[in-house]
């Protein structure tokens, strides 16, 4: 009888621990990783920039703030293509990137990085303050403990990228459409 009671208590403990883990809130960077995947799904690249069968290269430049969160989206599908996550140390390694997350460690190099990309069809994303105003395409913002994002329409146009109407609709702010 004591063994049965101990076994039942053990099962209850495991069930409670599992339920608590299942209800755990995702971290900031788990949410941002999912946003990155969805950005890749709702942006149209110019003809010829994505070759037949080529995966979408999602690159992180600088110190990785995501940890294991990007593992959850590596290999997922966006636009009928696999998403391949790559970590970069230097701006010179951005060749072939379709989505480029610029981490906080690159704050001093943002202006030169964006100038260096020029009109390359690269969706630039960051959570650095002022990223969109500096010419980046999408900037994360935390508002009332929720992850939101701003879009720089001119940066998207310069890169030849076309966002879906749904993406534009859920953006917090759109920079570069004033007066249009």
N, C-alpha and C. Protein backbone atom coordinates (compact mmCIF):
# COMPACT_ATOMS: atom_id res chain seq x y z
N UNK A 1 0.82 -1.19 0.00
CA UNK A 1 0.00 0.00 0.00
C UNK A 1 0.87 1.26 0.00
N UNK A 2 1.97 1.23 0.81
CA UNK A 2 2.85 2.39 0.84
C UNK A 2 3.52 2.59 -0.51
N UNK A 3 3.87 1.48 -1.20
CA UNK A 3 4.51 1.60 -2.51
C UNK A 3 3.53 2.21 -3.53
N UNK A 4 2.28 1.79 -3.47
CA UNK A 4 1.27 2.31 -4.38
C UNK A 4 1.08 3.80 -4.14
N UNK A 5 1.00 4.21 -2.88
CA UNK A 5 0.86 5.63 -2.54
C UNK A 5 2.08 6.42 -3.01
N UNK A 6 3.26 5.90 -2.82
CA UNK A 6 4.49 6.56 -3.25
C UNK A 6 4.51 6.69 -4.78
N UNK A 7 4.08 5.64 -5.46
CA UNK A 7 4.05 5.67 -6.93
C UNK A 7 3.05 6.71 -7.43
N UNK A 8 1.87 6.77 -6.80
CA UNK A 8 0.87 7.77 -7.18
C UNK A 8 1.36 9.19 -6.92
N UNK A 9 1.99 9.40 -5.78
CA UNK A 9 2.54 10.72 -5.48
C UNK A 9 3.63 11.10 -6.48
N UNK A 10 4.45 10.15 -6.87
CA UNK A 10 5.49 10.42 -7.87
C UNK A 10 4.87 10.80 -9.21
N UNK A 11 3.83 10.07 -9.62
CA UNK A 11 3.15 10.40 -10.86
C UNK A 11 2.51 11.77 -10.82
N UNK A 12 1.90 12.12 -9.69
CA UNK A 12 1.29 13.44 -9.55
C UNK A 12 2.36 14.53 -9.63
N UNK A 13 3.51 14.30 -8.99
CA UNK A 13 4.59 15.28 -9.03
C UNK A 13 5.08 15.49 -10.46
N UNK A 14 5.26 14.40 -11.20
CA UNK A 14 5.70 14.49 -12.59
C UNK A 14 4.66 15.22 -13.43
N UNK A 15 3.38 14.90 -13.22
CA UNK A 15 2.31 15.55 -13.97
C UNK A 15 2.26 17.04 -13.67
N UNK A 16 2.38 17.42 -12.41
CA UNK A 16 2.36 18.83 -12.04
C UNK A 16 3.56 19.57 -12.62
N UNK A 17 4.71 18.95 -12.54
CA UNK A 17 5.93 19.58 -13.08
C UNK A 17 5.80 19.75 -14.60
N UNK A 18 5.25 18.77 -15.27
CA UNK A 18 5.07 18.84 -16.72
C UNK A 18 4.07 19.92 -17.08
N UNK A 19 2.94 19.99 -16.36
CA UNK A 19 1.93 21.02 -16.62
C UNK A 19 2.51 22.41 -16.39
N UNK A 20 3.29 22.59 -15.36
CA UNK A 20 3.88 23.90 -15.06
C UNK A 20 4.83 24.30 -16.17
N UNK A 21 5.63 23.36 -16.67
CA UNK A 21 6.55 23.65 -17.75
C UNK A 21 5.79 23.98 -19.04
N UNK A 22 4.69 23.26 -19.27
CA UNK A 22 3.89 23.51 -20.47
C UNK A 22 3.26 24.89 -20.44
N UNK A 23 2.95 25.38 -19.25
CA UNK A 23 2.33 26.69 -19.10
C UNK A 23 3.34 27.82 -19.00
N UNK A 24 4.62 27.50 -18.95
CA UNK A 24 5.65 28.52 -18.80
C UNK A 24 5.59 29.48 -19.99
N UNK A 25 5.75 30.76 -19.69
CA UNK A 25 5.73 31.78 -20.72
C UNK A 25 7.00 31.71 -21.55
N UNK A 26 6.89 31.91 -22.86
CA UNK A 26 8.10 31.92 -23.68
C UNK A 26 8.96 33.13 -23.32
N UNK A 27 10.24 32.98 -23.53
CA UNK A 27 11.16 34.08 -23.23
C UNK A 27 11.06 35.13 -24.33
N UNK A 28 11.64 36.29 -24.05
CA UNK A 28 11.67 37.38 -25.03
C UNK A 28 12.28 36.93 -26.35
N UNK A 29 13.40 36.22 -26.27
CA UNK A 29 14.08 35.83 -27.51
C UNK A 29 13.45 34.61 -28.18
N UNK A 30 12.69 33.81 -27.46
CA UNK A 30 11.91 32.77 -28.12
C UNK A 30 10.83 33.42 -28.98
N UNK A 31 10.19 34.46 -28.44
CA UNK A 31 9.18 35.17 -29.21
C UNK A 31 9.80 35.88 -30.41
N UNK A 32 10.95 36.50 -30.21
CA UNK A 32 11.61 37.20 -31.31
C UNK A 32 12.05 36.23 -32.40
N UNK A 33 12.44 35.03 -32.02
CA UNK A 33 12.81 34.01 -33.01
C UNK A 33 11.60 33.66 -33.88
N UNK A 34 10.44 33.52 -33.26
CA UNK A 34 9.22 33.22 -34.02
C UNK A 34 8.87 34.40 -34.93
N UNK A 35 9.04 35.62 -34.43
CA UNK A 35 8.82 36.79 -35.28
C UNK A 35 9.73 36.74 -36.51
N UNK A 36 11.01 36.41 -36.31
CA UNK A 36 11.94 36.35 -37.44
C UNK A 36 11.47 35.34 -38.49
N UNK A 37 11.01 34.19 -38.03
CA UNK A 37 10.48 33.19 -38.95
C UNK A 37 9.28 33.75 -39.70
N UNK A 38 8.38 34.41 -38.99
CA UNK A 38 7.20 34.97 -39.65
C UNK A 38 7.55 36.12 -40.58
N UNK A 39 8.56 36.91 -40.25
CA UNK A 39 9.00 37.95 -41.19
C UNK A 39 9.42 37.30 -42.50
N UNK A 40 10.16 36.19 -42.42
CA UNK A 40 10.59 35.48 -43.63
C UNK A 40 9.40 34.96 -44.42
N UNK A 41 8.32 34.68 -43.74
CA UNK A 41 7.11 34.17 -44.41
C UNK A 41 6.32 35.28 -45.09
N UNK A 42 6.42 36.52 -44.58
CA UNK A 42 5.56 37.60 -45.07
C UNK A 42 6.32 38.72 -45.78
N UNK A 43 7.51 38.40 -46.27
CA UNK A 43 8.28 39.34 -47.09
C UNK A 43 8.50 38.67 -48.44
N UNK A 44 8.36 39.44 -49.50
CA UNK A 44 8.63 38.92 -50.84
C UNK A 44 9.96 39.50 -51.32
N UNK A 45 10.88 38.62 -51.68
CA UNK A 45 12.19 39.03 -52.19
C UNK A 45 12.10 39.26 -53.68
N UNK A 46 12.96 40.12 -54.21
CA UNK A 46 12.94 40.36 -55.66
C UNK A 46 13.30 39.11 -56.46
N UNK A 47 12.78 39.04 -57.67
CA UNK A 47 13.06 37.90 -58.54
C UNK A 47 14.57 37.73 -58.69
N UNK A 48 15.02 36.49 -58.59
CA UNK A 48 16.43 36.19 -58.76
C UNK A 48 17.26 36.23 -57.49
N UNK A 49 16.70 36.75 -56.41
CA UNK A 49 17.49 36.80 -55.17
C UNK A 49 17.40 35.51 -54.35
N UNK A 50 16.38 34.72 -54.61
CA UNK A 50 16.24 33.39 -54.00
C UNK A 50 16.25 32.38 -55.13
N UNK A 51 17.27 31.57 -55.19
CA UNK A 51 17.40 30.59 -56.26
C UNK A 51 16.60 29.32 -55.95
N UNK A 52 16.22 28.62 -56.99
CA UNK A 52 15.42 27.39 -56.87
C UNK A 52 16.03 26.43 -55.85
N UNK A 53 15.23 26.02 -54.88
CA UNK A 53 15.65 25.05 -53.89
C UNK A 53 16.56 25.60 -52.79
N UNK A 54 16.93 26.86 -52.89
CA UNK A 54 17.82 27.47 -51.90
C UNK A 54 17.05 27.79 -50.62
N UNK A 55 17.64 27.51 -49.46
CA UNK A 55 16.96 27.87 -48.21
C UNK A 55 17.03 29.37 -47.97
N UNK A 56 16.16 29.86 -47.13
CA UNK A 56 16.23 31.24 -46.67
C UNK A 56 17.28 31.28 -45.57
N UNK A 57 18.30 32.08 -45.77
CA UNK A 57 19.38 32.21 -44.80
C UNK A 57 19.03 33.27 -43.77
N UNK A 58 18.79 32.84 -42.54
CA UNK A 58 18.52 33.73 -41.42
C UNK A 58 19.81 33.85 -40.62
N UNK A 59 20.40 35.02 -40.64
CA UNK A 59 21.71 35.22 -40.03
C UNK A 59 21.61 36.11 -38.80
N UNK A 60 22.44 35.83 -37.82
CA UNK A 60 22.56 36.65 -36.61
C UNK A 60 23.98 37.17 -36.59
N UNK A 61 24.11 38.51 -36.63
CA UNK A 61 25.42 39.13 -36.61
C UNK A 61 25.73 39.62 -35.21
N UNK A 62 26.86 39.17 -34.67
CA UNK A 62 27.29 39.61 -33.34
C UNK A 62 26.98 38.58 -32.28
N UNK A 63 27.05 39.03 -31.03
CA UNK A 63 26.81 38.15 -29.89
C UNK A 63 25.38 37.64 -29.94
N UNK A 64 25.21 36.34 -29.82
CA UNK A 64 23.91 35.68 -29.96
C UNK A 64 23.05 35.86 -28.71
N UNK A 65 21.98 36.66 -28.81
CA UNK A 65 21.09 36.82 -27.65
C UNK A 65 20.01 35.75 -27.58
N UNK A 66 19.90 34.91 -28.61
CA UNK A 66 18.81 33.95 -28.71
C UNK A 66 19.05 32.65 -27.94
N UNK A 67 20.31 32.26 -27.79
CA UNK A 67 20.58 30.98 -27.16
C UNK A 67 19.96 29.86 -27.97
N UNK A 68 19.27 28.96 -27.32
CA UNK A 68 18.66 27.80 -28.00
C UNK A 68 17.38 28.15 -28.74
N UNK A 69 16.88 29.38 -28.61
CA UNK A 69 15.60 29.75 -29.22
C UNK A 69 15.61 29.61 -30.74
N UNK A 70 16.75 29.85 -31.38
CA UNK A 70 16.80 29.74 -32.84
C UNK A 70 16.78 28.29 -33.32
N UNK A 71 17.19 27.37 -32.44
CA UNK A 71 17.14 25.95 -32.81
C UNK A 71 15.72 25.53 -33.14
N UNK A 72 14.75 26.15 -32.49
CA UNK A 72 13.34 25.79 -32.71
C UNK A 72 12.85 26.18 -34.10
N UNK A 73 13.49 27.17 -34.74
CA UNK A 73 13.04 27.57 -36.07
C UNK A 73 13.98 27.11 -37.18
N UNK A 74 15.17 26.65 -36.83
CA UNK A 74 16.12 26.17 -37.83
C UNK A 74 15.51 24.98 -38.56
N UNK A 75 15.41 25.07 -39.87
CA UNK A 75 14.83 24.00 -40.66
C UNK A 75 13.34 24.13 -40.90
N UNK A 76 12.68 25.06 -40.21
CA UNK A 76 11.24 25.28 -40.46
C UNK A 76 11.05 25.84 -41.85
N UNK A 77 9.82 25.88 -42.31
CA UNK A 77 9.50 26.34 -43.66
C UNK A 77 9.02 27.79 -43.67
N UNK A 78 9.46 28.52 -44.68
CA UNK A 78 8.97 29.85 -44.98
C UNK A 78 8.94 29.96 -46.50
N UNK A 79 7.79 30.21 -47.07
CA UNK A 79 7.64 30.33 -48.52
C UNK A 79 8.10 29.06 -49.24
N UNK A 80 7.75 27.93 -48.68
CA UNK A 80 8.10 26.63 -49.25
C UNK A 80 9.60 26.40 -49.34
N UNK A 81 10.33 26.99 -48.45
CA UNK A 81 11.79 26.82 -48.37
C UNK A 81 12.16 26.56 -46.92
N UNK A 82 13.22 25.82 -46.72
CA UNK A 82 13.74 25.63 -45.37
C UNK A 82 14.40 26.93 -44.91
N UNK A 83 14.38 27.17 -43.64
CA UNK A 83 15.08 28.31 -43.05
C UNK A 83 16.35 27.77 -42.42
N UNK A 84 17.47 28.33 -42.84
CA UNK A 84 18.79 27.91 -42.36
C UNK A 84 19.36 29.02 -41.49
N UNK A 85 19.59 28.74 -40.21
CA UNK A 85 20.11 29.74 -39.27
C UNK A 85 21.63 29.70 -39.28
N UNK A 86 22.24 30.88 -39.40
CA UNK A 86 23.70 31.01 -39.38
C UNK A 86 24.10 32.10 -38.39
N UNK A 87 25.18 31.85 -37.68
CA UNK A 87 25.76 32.84 -36.76
C UNK A 87 26.96 33.49 -37.43
N UNK A 88 27.02 34.82 -37.38
CA UNK A 88 28.10 35.55 -38.01
C UNK A 88 28.87 36.36 -36.97
N UNK A 89 30.15 36.50 -37.22
CA UNK A 89 31.00 37.28 -36.32
C UNK A 89 31.32 38.64 -36.93
N UNK A 90 31.50 38.68 -38.24
CA UNK A 90 31.92 39.90 -38.93
C UNK A 90 30.89 40.34 -39.97
N UNK A 91 30.73 41.65 -40.18
CA UNK A 91 29.81 42.13 -41.21
C UNK A 91 30.14 41.62 -42.61
N UNK A 92 31.39 41.31 -42.85
CA UNK A 92 31.80 40.80 -44.16
C UNK A 92 31.21 39.42 -44.45
N UNK A 93 30.67 38.76 -43.46
CA UNK A 93 30.11 37.41 -43.62
C UNK A 93 28.64 37.41 -44.01
N UNK A 94 28.06 38.60 -44.26
CA UNK A 94 26.62 38.69 -44.53
C UNK A 94 26.24 38.26 -45.94
N UNK A 95 27.20 37.97 -46.78
CA UNK A 95 26.92 37.50 -48.14
C UNK A 95 26.00 36.27 -48.08
N UNK A 96 24.92 36.32 -48.83
CA UNK A 96 24.00 35.19 -48.89
C UNK A 96 22.90 35.23 -47.84
N UNK A 97 22.94 36.19 -46.92
CA UNK A 97 21.88 36.29 -45.90
C UNK A 97 20.63 36.92 -46.52
N UNK A 98 19.49 36.38 -46.18
CA UNK A 98 18.22 36.95 -46.62
C UNK A 98 17.57 37.74 -45.50
N UNK A 99 17.68 37.24 -44.27
CA UNK A 99 17.22 37.93 -43.08
C UNK A 99 18.44 38.09 -42.19
N UNK A 100 18.71 39.31 -41.75
CA UNK A 100 19.88 39.58 -40.92
C UNK A 100 19.45 40.25 -39.63
N UNK A 101 19.61 39.52 -38.52
CA UNK A 101 19.35 40.10 -37.20
C UNK A 101 20.67 40.69 -36.71
N UNK A 102 20.64 41.97 -36.37
CA UNK A 102 21.83 42.67 -35.87
C UNK A 102 21.70 42.76 -34.36
N UNK A 103 22.59 42.07 -33.65
CA UNK A 103 22.50 42.02 -32.19
C UNK A 103 23.05 43.30 -31.56
N UNK A 104 22.78 43.46 -30.29
CA UNK A 104 23.19 44.64 -29.55
C UNK A 104 24.69 44.88 -29.53
N UNK A 105 25.46 43.82 -29.67
CA UNK A 105 26.92 43.96 -29.65
C UNK A 105 27.44 44.72 -30.88
N UNK A 106 26.59 44.90 -31.88
CA UNK A 106 27.00 45.56 -33.13
C UNK A 106 26.54 47.01 -33.21
N UNK A 107 26.10 47.56 -32.09
CA UNK A 107 25.53 48.91 -32.08
C UNK A 107 26.45 49.95 -32.72
N UNK A 108 27.74 49.88 -32.44
CA UNK A 108 28.68 50.87 -32.98
C UNK A 108 28.83 50.74 -34.49
N UNK A 109 28.56 49.56 -35.03
CA UNK A 109 28.76 49.33 -36.47
C UNK A 109 27.49 49.41 -37.31
N UNK A 110 26.35 49.73 -36.71
CA UNK A 110 25.08 49.69 -37.44
C UNK A 110 25.10 50.57 -38.68
N UNK A 111 25.50 51.82 -38.54
CA UNK A 111 25.48 52.74 -39.68
C UNK A 111 26.34 52.23 -40.83
N UNK A 112 27.55 51.80 -40.53
CA UNK A 112 28.42 51.31 -41.61
C UNK A 112 27.91 49.98 -42.18
N UNK A 113 27.32 49.14 -41.34
CA UNK A 113 26.75 47.88 -41.82
C UNK A 113 25.62 48.14 -42.80
N UNK A 114 24.70 49.03 -42.44
CA UNK A 114 23.57 49.32 -43.31
C UNK A 114 24.03 49.99 -44.61
N UNK A 115 25.01 50.88 -44.52
CA UNK A 115 25.58 51.48 -45.74
C UNK A 115 26.21 50.41 -46.62
N UNK A 116 26.93 49.48 -46.00
CA UNK A 116 27.59 48.41 -46.74
C UNK A 116 26.62 47.48 -47.45
N UNK A 117 25.45 47.27 -46.85
CA UNK A 117 24.44 46.42 -47.50
C UNK A 117 23.81 47.13 -48.69
N UNK A 118 23.78 48.46 -48.63
CA UNK A 118 23.24 49.25 -49.74
C UNK A 118 21.86 48.79 -50.16
N UNK A 119 21.75 48.38 -51.41
CA UNK A 119 20.47 47.94 -51.96
C UNK A 119 20.36 46.42 -52.03
N UNK A 120 21.21 45.72 -51.30
CA UNK A 120 21.14 44.25 -51.29
C UNK A 120 19.78 43.81 -50.76
N UNK A 121 19.22 42.74 -51.32
CA UNK A 121 17.90 42.26 -50.89
C UNK A 121 17.98 41.50 -49.55
N UNK A 122 18.29 42.24 -48.49
CA UNK A 122 18.46 41.66 -47.16
C UNK A 122 17.48 42.35 -46.22
N UNK A 123 16.68 41.56 -45.53
CA UNK A 123 15.76 42.09 -44.53
C UNK A 123 16.55 42.27 -43.23
N UNK A 124 16.82 43.51 -42.86
CA UNK A 124 17.57 43.80 -41.64
C UNK A 124 16.61 43.98 -40.48
N UNK A 125 16.93 43.33 -39.36
CA UNK A 125 16.08 43.35 -38.16
C UNK A 125 16.98 43.51 -36.95
N UNK A 126 16.51 44.27 -35.95
CA UNK A 126 17.27 44.41 -34.71
C UNK A 126 16.34 44.86 -33.59
N UNK A 127 16.84 44.72 -32.37
CA UNK A 127 16.12 45.28 -31.23
C UNK A 127 16.88 46.45 -30.62
N UNK A 128 17.84 46.99 -31.37
CA UNK A 128 18.57 48.17 -30.94
C UNK A 128 17.66 49.40 -31.01
N UNK A 129 17.72 50.27 -30.02
CA UNK A 129 16.95 51.51 -30.06
C UNK A 129 17.38 52.33 -31.27
N UNK A 130 16.42 52.87 -32.01
CA UNK A 130 16.72 53.72 -33.14
C UNK A 130 17.13 52.99 -34.40
N UNK A 131 17.01 51.67 -34.44
CA UNK A 131 17.46 50.89 -35.60
C UNK A 131 16.69 51.28 -36.87
N UNK A 132 15.39 51.38 -36.77
CA UNK A 132 14.57 51.72 -37.93
C UNK A 132 14.89 53.14 -38.41
N UNK A 133 15.06 54.05 -37.48
CA UNK A 133 15.39 55.43 -37.83
C UNK A 133 16.78 55.53 -38.47
N UNK A 134 17.66 54.60 -38.13
CA UNK A 134 19.01 54.59 -38.70
C UNK A 134 19.05 53.96 -40.09
N UNK A 135 17.92 53.40 -40.54
CA UNK A 135 17.86 52.81 -41.88
C UNK A 135 17.65 51.32 -41.90
N UNK A 136 17.48 50.69 -40.73
CA UNK A 136 17.16 49.27 -40.69
C UNK A 136 15.71 49.05 -41.10
N UNK A 137 15.39 47.84 -41.56
CA UNK A 137 14.05 47.57 -42.08
C UNK A 137 13.01 47.34 -40.99
N UNK A 138 13.34 46.52 -39.99
CA UNK A 138 12.38 46.20 -38.93
C UNK A 138 13.08 46.30 -37.58
N UNK A 139 12.45 47.00 -36.66
CA UNK A 139 13.00 47.16 -35.32
C UNK A 139 12.02 46.67 -34.27
N UNK A 140 12.49 45.80 -33.40
CA UNK A 140 11.66 45.32 -32.30
C UNK A 140 11.55 46.39 -31.23
N UNK A 141 10.40 46.40 -30.56
CA UNK A 141 10.18 47.28 -29.42
C UNK A 141 9.34 46.51 -28.40
N UNK A 142 9.62 46.74 -27.13
CA UNK A 142 8.81 46.13 -26.08
C UNK A 142 7.89 47.20 -25.52
N UNK A 143 6.59 46.94 -25.62
CA UNK A 143 5.58 47.89 -25.17
C UNK A 143 4.62 47.15 -24.26
N UNK A 144 4.50 47.61 -23.02
CA UNK A 144 3.60 46.96 -22.05
C UNK A 144 3.87 45.46 -21.97
N UNK A 145 5.14 45.10 -21.88
CA UNK A 145 5.58 43.70 -21.77
C UNK A 145 5.20 42.86 -22.98
N UNK A 146 4.98 43.49 -24.11
CA UNK A 146 4.66 42.76 -25.35
C UNK A 146 5.69 43.13 -26.40
N UNK A 147 6.06 42.15 -27.22
CA UNK A 147 7.00 42.39 -28.32
C UNK A 147 6.20 42.96 -29.48
N UNK A 148 6.62 44.12 -29.95
CA UNK A 148 6.01 44.78 -31.11
C UNK A 148 7.14 45.09 -32.08
N UNK A 149 6.80 45.62 -33.24
CA UNK A 149 7.84 45.99 -34.19
C UNK A 149 7.43 47.19 -35.02
N UNK A 150 8.45 47.93 -35.46
CA UNK A 150 8.28 49.07 -36.34
C UNK A 150 8.90 48.69 -37.69
N UNK A 151 8.40 49.29 -38.75
CA UNK A 151 8.88 49.01 -40.10
C UNK A 151 9.36 50.30 -40.75
N UNK A 152 10.48 50.23 -41.43
CA UNK A 152 10.98 51.33 -42.24
C UNK A 152 10.66 50.99 -43.69
N UNK A 153 9.59 51.61 -44.22
CA UNK A 153 9.13 51.30 -45.58
C UNK A 153 10.18 51.68 -46.62
N UNK A 154 10.91 52.75 -46.39
CA UNK A 154 11.94 53.17 -47.35
C UNK A 154 13.08 52.15 -47.40
N UNK A 155 13.45 51.61 -46.24
CA UNK A 155 14.52 50.60 -46.21
C UNK A 155 14.09 49.34 -46.95
N UNK A 156 12.84 48.94 -46.78
CA UNK A 156 12.32 47.78 -47.51
C UNK A 156 12.34 48.04 -49.02
N UNK A 157 11.90 49.21 -49.41
CA UNK A 157 11.87 49.56 -50.83
C UNK A 157 13.28 49.59 -51.41
N UNK A 158 14.21 50.19 -50.67
CA UNK A 158 15.61 50.28 -51.12
C UNK A 158 16.19 48.87 -51.35
N UNK A 159 15.81 47.92 -50.51
CA UNK A 159 16.31 46.54 -50.63
C UNK A 159 15.52 45.72 -51.64
N UNK A 160 14.45 46.31 -52.20
CA UNK A 160 13.64 45.59 -53.17
C UNK A 160 12.72 44.56 -52.53
N UNK A 161 12.45 44.71 -51.23
CA UNK A 161 11.62 43.76 -50.50
C UNK A 161 10.19 44.29 -50.41
N UNK A 162 9.23 43.36 -50.56
CA UNK A 162 7.82 43.75 -50.48
C UNK A 162 7.16 43.04 -49.31
N UNK A 163 6.75 43.80 -48.30
CA UNK A 163 6.05 43.19 -47.17
C UNK A 163 4.59 42.93 -47.52
N UNK A 164 4.03 41.90 -46.91
CA UNK A 164 2.61 41.63 -47.12
C UNK A 164 1.78 42.70 -46.41
N UNK A 165 0.55 42.86 -46.85
CA UNK A 165 -0.35 43.82 -46.22
C UNK A 165 -0.59 43.45 -44.75
N UNK A 166 -0.64 42.15 -44.46
CA UNK A 166 -0.87 41.71 -43.08
C UNK A 166 0.28 42.16 -42.18
N UNK A 167 1.52 42.05 -42.68
CA UNK A 167 2.67 42.46 -41.89
C UNK A 167 2.62 43.96 -41.63
N UNK A 168 2.30 44.73 -42.64
CA UNK A 168 2.22 46.18 -42.48
C UNK A 168 1.10 46.56 -41.51
N UNK A 169 0.03 45.81 -41.54
CA UNK A 169 -1.13 46.12 -40.70
C UNK A 169 -0.83 45.94 -39.20
N UNK A 170 0.00 44.93 -38.87
CA UNK A 170 0.24 44.66 -37.45
C UNK A 170 1.47 45.38 -36.90
N UNK A 171 2.17 46.14 -37.76
CA UNK A 171 3.32 46.91 -37.28
C UNK A 171 2.83 48.01 -36.34
N UNK A 172 3.64 48.32 -35.35
CA UNK A 172 3.30 49.39 -34.41
C UNK A 172 3.39 50.74 -35.10
N UNK A 173 4.50 50.99 -35.80
CA UNK A 173 4.72 52.22 -36.55
C UNK A 173 5.33 51.86 -37.90
N UNK A 174 5.01 52.67 -38.90
CA UNK A 174 5.65 52.52 -40.19
C UNK A 174 6.34 53.84 -40.49
N UNK A 175 7.65 53.79 -40.58
CA UNK A 175 8.45 54.97 -40.87
C UNK A 175 8.63 55.06 -42.37
N UNK A 176 8.56 56.27 -42.92
CA UNK A 176 8.81 56.46 -44.34
C UNK A 176 7.57 56.52 -45.19
N UNK A 177 6.40 56.46 -44.58
CA UNK A 177 5.16 56.60 -45.34
C UNK A 177 4.47 57.93 -45.05
N UNK A 178 5.10 58.76 -44.24
CA UNK A 178 4.50 60.04 -43.88
C UNK A 178 4.31 60.87 -45.15
N UNK A 179 3.15 61.48 -45.27
CA UNK A 179 2.88 62.36 -46.40
C UNK A 179 2.51 61.62 -47.68
N UNK A 180 2.33 60.31 -47.61
CA UNK A 180 1.95 59.57 -48.82
C UNK A 180 0.50 59.18 -48.77
